[in-house]
Amino acid sequence: MLNKKNLNRWAASVLKPFFPVLFFLLCFSLLGNYASTFEPLFTGKIIDALTLKDRTAFFAFLKIIILFQIAGLGFSLLSSWFQFLLQRKMTVYTESRLYLNLLHLPPKRSSEQDSGKLLNLFLSDLGVMTGIYTSQIPSIITSLIMMSIISFRLFKIDIFIFCLTLIVSVIPVFLAKYFGAKQASVNEAQRKKQDEYTTYINETIRGLQEIKNHSSQKFFIYKFKNILKYIFIHVKESTIIGMQSSSASFFTNFTINISLFIIIGLTVLEGKNTVGTITAALMYSQKFRSLVSSCAETYKGIIVSFVSVERLKTIFDERQNRFSLIKEEKDISNIKKIKIENLTFAYKKNNFLFEKLNVEFTFPGLYLIKGENGSGKTSLFNIISGNISLKNETVLTGKIIFLNLAARVSYISQNPFIFSGSIKENLLFGKEVDEVTINDILTKTKLDKVIDSLEKGLDTQLGGKEHILSQGQIQRLALSRSLLQTGDVILFDEVENALDSETSLALNSLLSELKTKKLILMITHRSSYDKIADGVFKIGKRGVL
């Protein structure tokens, strides 16, 4: 069950900087709508003037209507323009916040398993949430204010029609609440299937060549069609609910309109009201009921839209709910080390990778982490670097203490991150570093000659269709990037698997030098680094080192 109060409070806090602009947008919208409320009043007066054949009154009231309509158009255009400006600024702001938030999420399991959801948050959910606060809620507020103005005028014209209008206007609200709840339930299931669809598309694009190599196109097309089939099952349910809602609204409005015409027509035939008065009353009644129906439909849309708000809030909360065991401590000894105390970890209960794990790594030095595949080596690195999320079944206890060290870790994986930008941008990540330092690091990682051979050198663009750097050279770039950071701790996660022979030799030489300046933890299966290591730790059953 969605807690709409909490979701509202959270979404409002995200959009808080835009409330002053929303206020002015609301004012323009109200002025435009307020100008339109004079139309029924003066339409009735025009009809009465025509009935009495009063030429002067007819043209006077006609001029007033024209003026109010032009004013309403002007305010409406201003409202539309400010809504566009607000939408643009708000989208940039909220997307930037979401993007920043995702950058702080654990990079392993979350981004890989939920890639479809993360993409759909940008493509769909974020737009839905901003729409609630830039369009739907202002629309409801405007409608409620206009309803109070119209009801006051209707009350002055005819109390009976006023009371009748209020009574029949309650029905659309109940219909909206009922069908909105049904629609939200279907929409939530549909969103999950759309996430699965987007993830599947991403996965198959990455594995396209292998799919072709194995002539497996039919199998993957079959799976693709199955996902689409389930998506359209939910779309069908959603369509049926929409048809039911439309039918209920039509028959309700049809019955109300016929009843009002009969009742009001009898009052005119009996001479209790003039045609102009009744026309004005009917127009006000129709406007009031239209506003109620509009509010009800918007309210139904908001109920459905809160599925998107909840999805966004879940991602934002995941960053804040990350369970970190990392602590920075200082003592008088000034000895720098990483201390792992009583570390217990399991992705699922009773399926432990580590249990009461205790080990220390002293700065500076090179320490090798070895063990069988699946023994938890990479999980240990993810915990040390703060990249583990606490899921419902996850067990994670103990401490990771950075003693007299800053908990700032450089992580080098088998598949380094390269984005569309220059080599220099991929090296520095926006940091200011002098050319001498850059060249010194590139020389140590044997990347200097490679870059010198490129026409544009450090300004060469990466990330396009052309593979400018080999996998081994990309590893050297990642290593150079790590050395340009200011942290004292570097984690190497089986990087030798992707290294060429030249880079392997360079790494061996570089590690010998680096271990006197940095604390290096390295996951490896090779014994070639044992001679230069300050310690070799093996992870066995239940993570015993």
Foldseek 3Di string as FASTA:
>chain_A
DDPVVVLVVVLCVLVVVCVVLLVVLLVLLLLLLVLVLCVLVLQLVLVVCVVVVPPVSNVVSVVSNVVSNVSSVVSVVVSVVSLVVSLVVSLVSNVVVLVVLVVLAQDPPCCLVQVLVSVCLNVPLVSLSVCCVSPLVSLLVSLVVSLVVLLVVLCVLPVVLSVLLVVLLVVLQVLLVVLLLVLQVLLLVLSVLSSVLSSLVVVCVVVVVVCVVVVPPVVSVVVNVVSVVVNVVSVVSNVVSVVVSVVVVVVSVVVSVVVVCVVLVVCVVVPVDDPSSSSSSVVSSVSSSVSSNSSSNSVSSVSNSVSSSVSSVVSSVQSVQFDAQEDEEEDPVLWWKKWWAQWWKDPAPPHTLAGGETDMFTPQFEEEEEEDPPSCPVVVVCRLLSSDTDDPGIDTDTHTYGYNFDSHEQEQEQQDDDAWFFLLCLQAVPDDDDPVLLCVLCVLQVNNVLQVPDPVRRRDTDDDPDDSDASQSVSSSSVNSRVPDDHQEYEAEANVVRHDPVSVVSVLVSNLVSSNRHHYYYYHPDCPNVVSGPYYHYQDHNGHD
